[in-house]
C-alpha atoms as a PDB file:
ATOM      1  CA  MET A   1      93.566 113.009 116.380  1.00  0.00           C
ATOM      2  CA  LEU A   2      96.560 114.786 117.854  1.00  0.00           C
ATOM      3  CA  VAL A   3      99.855 114.563 116.024  1.00  0.00           C
ATOM      4  CA  TYR A   4     103.157 115.881 117.144  1.00  0.00           C
ATOM      5  CA  ASN A   5     105.132 117.587 114.421  1.00  0.00           C
ATOM      6  CA  PHE A   6     108.866 117.901 114.692  1.00  0.00           C
ATOM      7  CA  TYR A   7     110.595 120.336 112.397  1.00  0.00           C
ATOM      8  CA  PHE A   8     113.775 122.273 112.121  1.00  0.00           C
ATOM      9  CA  THR A   9     114.033 125.962 111.733  1.00  0.00           C
ATOM     10  CA  LYS A  10     117.128 127.740 110.432  1.00  0.00           C
ATOM     11  CA  GLY A  11     119.882 127.491 112.987  1.00  0.00           C
ATOM     12  CA  LYS A  12     117.537 126.487 115.813  1.00  0.00           C
ATOM     13  CA  SER A  13     116.992 123.174 117.471  1.00  0.00           C
ATOM     14  CA  MET A  14     114.067 120.929 116.873  1.00  0.00           C
ATOM     15  CA  LYS A  15     110.690 122.323 117.881  1.00  0.00           C
ATOM     16  CA  ASN A  16     107.779 120.293 119.104  1.00  0.00           C
ATOM     17  CA  THR A  17     104.304 121.519 118.294  1.00  0.00           C
ATOM     18  CA  LYS A  18     100.874 119.976 118.663  1.00  0.00           C
ATOM     19  CA  THR A  19      98.561 120.075 115.721  1.00  0.00           C
ATOM     20  CA  THR A  20      95.180 118.553 115.079  1.00  0.00           C
ATOM     21  CA  LYS A  21      95.173 116.405 111.989  1.00  0.00           C
ATOM     22  CA  GLN A  22      92.092 115.626 109.971  1.00  0.00           C
ATOM     23  CA  SER A  23      92.047 111.960 109.031  1.00  0.00           C
ATOM     24  CA  CYS A  24      90.957 110.659 105.679  1.00  0.00           C
ATOM     25  CA  PRO A  25      87.447 109.056 105.748  1.00  0.00           C
ATOM     26  CA  ILE A  26      88.466 106.306 103.302  1.00  0.00           C
ATOM     27  CA  LYS A  27      91.404 105.329 105.520  1.00  0.00           C
ATOM     28  CA  ASN A  28      89.118 105.078 108.562  1.00  0.00           C
ATOM     29  CA  THR A  29      86.646 102.915 106.672  1.00  0.00           C
ATOM     30  CA  LEU A  30      89.412 100.537 105.606  1.00  0.00           C
ATOM     31  CA  LYS A  31      90.681 100.283 109.164  1.00  0.00           C
ATOM     32  CA  GLU A  32      87.202  99.575 110.498  1.00  0.00           C
ATOM     33  CA  HIS A  33      86.524  96.864 107.933  1.00  0.00           C
ATOM     34  CA  ARG A  34      89.950  95.234 107.959  1.00  0.00           C
ATOM     35  CA  LYS A  35      88.686  92.087 109.713  1.00  0.00           C
ATOM     36  CA  LEU A  36      85.795  91.723 107.292  1.00  0.00           C
ATOM     37  CA  ILE A  37      88.092  92.095 104.304  1.00  0.00           C
ATOM     38  CA  LEU A  38      90.528  89.526 105.728  1.00  0.00           C
ATOM     39  CA  ALA A  39      87.667  87.105 106.363  1.00  0.00           C
ATOM     40  CA  LEU A  40      86.413  87.468 102.792  1.00  0.00           C
ATOM     41  CA  VAL A  41      89.887  86.885 101.378  1.00  0.00           C
ATOM     42  CA  ALA A  42      90.318  83.813 103.608  1.00  0.00           C
ATOM     43  CA  ALA A  43      86.927  82.436 102.538  1.00  0.00           C
ATOM     44  CA  PHE A  44      87.864  82.903  98.901  1.00  0.00           C
ATOM     45  CA  LEU A  45      91.163  81.066  99.386  1.00  0.00           C
ATOM     46  CA  VAL A  46      89.489  78.176 101.245  1.00  0.00           C
ATOM     47  CA  GLY A  47      86.875  77.847  98.505  1.00  0.00           C
ATOM     48  CA  PHE A  48      89.539  77.907  95.840  1.00  0.00           C
ATOM     49  CA  CYS A  49      91.583  75.224  97.626  1.00  0.00           C
ATOM     50  CA  PHE A  50      88.467  73.055  98.201  1.00  0.00           C
ATOM     51  CA  LYS A  51      87.591  73.263  94.523  1.00  0.00           C
ATOM     52  CA  ALA A  52      91.115  72.142  93.675  1.00  0.00           C
ATOM     53  CA  LEU A  53      90.758  69.145  96.007  1.00  0.00           C
ATOM     54  CA  ILE A  54      87.400  68.069  94.590  1.00  0.00           C
ATOM     55  CA  SER A  55      88.408  68.176  90.986  1.00  0.00           C
ATOM     56  CA  PRO A  56      87.413  65.637  88.361  1.00  0.00           C
ATOM     57  CA  SER A  57      90.674  63.793  89.012  1.00  0.00           C
ATOM     58  CA  VAL A  58      89.431  62.728  92.471  1.00  0.00           C
ATOM     59  CA  LYS A  59      87.531  59.444  92.240  1.00  0.00           C
ATOM     60  CA  VAL A  60      84.557  58.971  94.570  1.00  0.00           C
ATOM     61  CA  ALA A  61      83.193  55.533  95.503  1.00  0.00           C
ATOM     62  CA  VAL A  62      79.828  54.724  97.050  1.00  0.00           C
ATOM     63  CA  VAL A  63      78.869  51.571  98.951  1.00  0.00           C
ATOM     64  CA  ASP A  64      75.533  50.097 100.029  1.00  0.00           C
ATOM     65  CA  VAL A  65      76.431  48.907 103.527  1.00  0.00           C
ATOM     66  CA  GLN A  66      73.060  47.226 104.145  1.00  0.00           C
ATOM     67  CA  LYS A  67      73.516  45.089 101.043  1.00  0.00           C
ATOM     68  CA  ILE A  68      77.058  44.208 102.116  1.00  0.00           C
ATOM     69  CA  VAL A  69      75.938  43.218 105.616  1.00  0.00           C
ATOM     70  CA  SER A  70      73.023  41.148 104.322  1.00  0.00           C
ATOM     71  CA  ASN A  71      75.397  39.247 101.999  1.00  0.00           C
ATOM     72  CA  SER A  72      78.102  38.761 104.628  1.00  0.00           C
ATOM     73  CA  LYS A  73      78.904  35.160 105.540  1.00  0.00           C
ATOM     74  CA  ASP A  74      79.957  36.265 109.024  1.00  0.00           C
ATOM     75  CA  MET A  75      76.641  38.034 109.594  1.00  0.00           C
ATOM     76  CA  ALA A  76      74.713  34.936 108.482  1.00  0.00           C
ATOM     77  CA  GLU A  77      76.735  32.838 110.947  1.00  0.00           C
ATOM     78  CA  LEU A  78      76.049  35.326 113.718  1.00  0.00           C
ATOM     79  CA  GLN A  79      72.303  35.244 113.004  1.00  0.00           C
ATOM     80  CA  GLN A  80      72.389  31.452 113.021  1.00  0.00           C
ATOM     81  CA  SER A  81      74.238  31.346 116.351  1.00  0.00           C
ATOM     82  CA  ILE A  82      71.786  33.841 117.887  1.00  0.00           C
ATOM     83  CA  THR A  83      68.875  31.682 116.727  1.00  0.00           C
ATOM     84  CA  GLN A  84      70.492  28.618 118.282  1.00  0.00           C
ATOM     85  CA  VAL A  85      71.210  30.403 121.567  1.00  0.00           C
ATOM     86  CA  SER A  86      67.635  31.729 121.658  1.00  0.00           C
ATOM     87  CA  GLN A  87      66.277  28.196 121.215  1.00  0.00           C
ATOM     88  CA  GLU A  88      68.516  26.935 124.037  1.00  0.00           C
ATOM     89  CA  LEU A  89      67.337  29.776 126.268  1.00  0.00           C
ATOM     90  CA  GLN A  90      63.710  28.977 125.415  1.00  0.00           C
ATOM     91  CA  GLU A  91      64.263  25.313 126.357  1.00  0.00           C
ATOM     92  CA  TRP A  92      65.857  26.393 129.625  1.00  0.00           C
ATOM     93  CA  LEU A  93      62.862  28.640 130.365  1.00  0.00           C
ATOM     94  CA  THR A  94      60.512  25.707 129.725  1.00  0.00           C
ATOM     95  CA  THR A  95      62.349  23.551 132.273  1.00  0.00           C
ATOM     96  CA  VAL A  96      62.372  26.456 134.752  1.00  0.00           C
ATOM     97  CA  ARG A  97      58.603  26.880 134.453  1.00  0.00           C
ATOM     98  CA  ALA A  98      58.085  23.155 134.962  1.00  0.00           C
ATOM     99  CA  ASP A  99      60.349  23.222 138.020  1.00  0.00           C
ATOM    100  CA  LEU A 100      58.465  26.195 139.483  1.00  0.00           C
ATOM    101  CA  GLU A 101      55.077  24.528 138.908  1.00  0.00           C
ATOM    102  CA  LYS A 102      56.234  21.458 140.864  1.00  0.00           C
ATOM    103  CA  GLN A 103      56.958  23.569 143.934  1.00  0.00           C
ATOM    104  CA  LYS A 104      54.091  23.581 146.442  1.00  0.00           C
ATOM    105  CA  ASN A 105      55.776  25.635 149.153  1.00  0.00           C
ATOM    106  CA  ARG A 106      55.221  29.346 148.444  1.00  0.00           C
ATOM    107  CA  GLN A 107      58.460  30.489 150.130  1.00  0.00           C
ATOM    108  CA  LYS A 108      60.550  27.902 148.274  1.00  0.00           C
ATOM    109  CA  LYS A 109      58.831  28.910 145.015  1.00  0.00           C
ATOM    110  CA  ASP A 110      59.679  32.597 145.612  1.00  0.00           C
ATOM    111  CA  GLU A 111      63.325  31.737 146.330  1.00  0.00           C
ATOM    112  CA  LEU A 112      63.549  29.647 143.145  1.00  0.00           C
ATOM    113  CA  THR A 113      61.893  32.407 141.127  1.00  0.00           C
ATOM    114  CA  LYS A 114      64.435  34.918 142.404  1.00  0.00           C
ATOM    115  CA  LYS A 115      67.313  32.529 141.649  1.00  0.00           C
ATOM    116  CA  TYR A 116      66.040  31.798 138.118  1.00  0.00           C
ATOM    117  CA  ASN A 117      65.430  35.496 137.396  1.00  0.00           C
ATOM    118  CA  GLU A 118      69.032  36.302 138.339  1.00  0.00           C
ATOM    119  CA  GLU A 119      70.313  33.399 136.256  1.00  0.00           C
ATOM    120  CA  PHE A 120      68.160  34.486 133.301  1.00  0.00           C
ATOM    121  CA  ALA A 121      69.454  38.066 133.557  1.00  0.00           C
ATOM    122  CA  GLN A 122      73.061  36.795 133.596  1.00  0.00           C
ATOM    123  CA  LYS A 123      72.464  34.566 130.562  1.00  0.00           C
ATOM    124  CA  GLN A 124      70.720  37.371 128.709  1.00  0.00           C
ATOM    125  CA  GLN A 125      73.576  39.784 129.479  1.00  0.00           C
ATOM    126  CA  ALA A 126      76.185  37.239 128.350  1.00  0.00           C
ATOM    127  CA  ILE A 127      74.287  36.676 125.095  1.00  0.00           C
ATOM    128  CA  GLN A 128      74.025  40.432 124.467  1.00  0.00           C
ATOM    129  CA  GLU A 129      77.729  41.032 125.201  1.00  0.00           C
ATOM    130  CA  ASN A 130      78.750  38.166 122.915  1.00  0.00           C
ATOM    131  CA  TYR A 131      76.477  39.463 120.154  1.00  0.00           C
ATOM    132  CA  ASN A 132      77.823  43.029 120.478  1.00  0.00           C
ATOM    133  CA  GLU A 133      81.434  41.809 120.410  1.00  0.00           C
ATOM    134  CA  LYS A 134      80.897  39.690 117.292  1.00  0.00           C
ATOM    135  CA  LEU A 135      78.914  42.461 115.604  1.00  0.00           C
ATOM    136  CA  SER A 136      81.737  44.904 116.314  1.00  0.00           C
ATOM    137  CA  GLN A 137      84.265  42.493 114.781  1.00  0.00           C
ATOM    138  CA  ILE A 138      82.103  42.059 111.674  1.00  0.00           C
ATOM    139  CA  ASP A 139      81.691  45.835 111.361  1.00  0.00           C
ATOM    140  CA  GLU A 140      85.443  46.361 111.637  1.00  0.00           C
ATOM    141  CA  LYS A 141      86.126  43.663 109.051  1.00  0.00           C
ATOM    142  CA  ILE A 142      83.603  45.155 106.604  1.00  0.00           C
ATOM    143  CA  ASN A 143      85.067  48.643 107.035  1.00  0.00           C
ATOM    144  CA  GLN A 144      88.574  47.317 106.385  1.00  0.00           C
ATOM    145  CA  ILE A 145      87.482  45.500 103.239  1.00  0.00           C
ATOM    146  CA  ILE A 146      85.663  48.609 101.983  1.00  0.00           C
ATOM    147  CA  ALA A 147      88.783  50.726 102.578  1.00  0.00           C
ATOM    148  CA  GLN A 148      91.062  48.159 100.918  1.00  0.00           C
ATOM    149  CA  THR A 149      88.795  47.815  97.894  1.00  0.00           C
ATOM    150  CA  ALA A 150      88.483  51.572  97.463  1.00  0.00           C
ATOM    151  CA  LYS A 151      92.237  52.061  97.786  1.00  0.00           C
ATOM    152  CA  LYS A 152      93.004  49.234  95.364  1.00  0.00           C
ATOM    153  CA  GLU A 153      90.606  50.722  92.793  1.00  0.00           C
ATOM    154  CA  GLY A 154      92.143  54.201  93.218  1.00  0.00           C
ATOM    155  CA  TYR A 155      89.275  55.966  94.984  1.00  0.00           C
ATOM    156  CA  LYS A 156      90.156  58.860  97.275  1.00  0.00           C
ATOM    157  CA  ILE A 157      86.722  59.280  98.879  1.00  0.00           C
ATOM    158  CA  THR A 158      84.214  56.585  99.893  1.00  0.00           C
ATOM    159  CA  LEU A 159      80.665  57.502 100.915  1.00  0.00           C
ATOM    160  CA  PHE A 160      77.548  55.614 101.989  1.00  0.00           C
ATOM    161  CA  LYS A 161      75.202  55.174  99.052  1.00  0.00           C
ATOM    162  CA  THR A 162      72.254  56.349 101.161  1.00  0.00           C
ATOM    163  CA  SER A 163      73.884  59.749 101.662  1.00  0.00           C
ATOM    164  CA  VAL A 164      74.661  60.401  97.987  1.00  0.00           C
ATOM    165  CA  LEU A 165      71.945  61.656  95.670  1.00  0.00           C
ATOM    166  CA  ASN A 166      73.974  61.570  92.487  1.00  0.00           C
ATOM    167  CA  GLY A 167      77.488  60.643  91.454  1.00  0.00           C
ATOM    168  CA  GLY A 168      80.212  58.310  92.563  1.00  0.00           C
ATOM    169  CA  THR A 169      80.990  54.792  91.415  1.00  0.00           C
ATOM    170  CA  ASP A 170      79.246  51.929  93.214  1.00  0.00           C
ATOM    171  CA  ILE A 171      81.800  49.384  94.486  1.00  0.00           C
ATOM    172  CA  THR A 172      79.320  47.381  96.599  1.00  0.00           C
ATOM    173  CA  ASP A 173      79.506  44.227  94.471  1.00  0.00           C
ATOM    174  CA  LYS A 174      83.312  44.226  94.526  1.00  0.00           C
ATOM    175  CA  VAL A 175      83.237  44.439  98.335  1.00  0.00           C
ATOM    176  CA  ILE A 176      80.649  41.608  98.544  1.00  0.00           C
ATOM    177  CA  GLU A 177      82.913  39.387  96.433  1.00  0.00           C
ATOM    178  CA  GLN A 178      85.719  39.836  98.960  1.00  0.00           C
ATOM    179  CA  ILE A 179      83.503  39.310 102.008  1.00  0.00           C
ATOM    180  CA  LYS A 180      82.043  35.986 100.826  1.00  0.00           C
END
């Protein structure tokens, strides 16, 4: 490493000389590992802060969503309506088959088959869209009730019971009471 030294001599102006300076090996090592040291310090601080966040004062709740859904009045109504719609669709299919069997003309039978297939696809799509919309509404309602219950009970974190091996307080029954 080249270093320029400036110095004054008695009564003369400043002189500029080049000298070669030997650098300290410890200083070079610190410079080379500066990023590593900063990363380690940052990791330590993050770990320390995380430990402070997850202290015993933070209450954790767990919920069994499958149990909540199976006890939901709205879900039972949705299942009942799907069963009813499926029965109506089955009755419609029975009348369609009878209508197709009555047809003697092959061309007319093919046209009716095409028409009924399109109508069946439309009905099936409408049923699926209706089911998905209602299921989404039920899901949103359940999530809101879980969040409200957890907040009211003073829990900061709520987890699915299936993802927790140990710990947390089960608030499933309290949520079921509010859903019914």
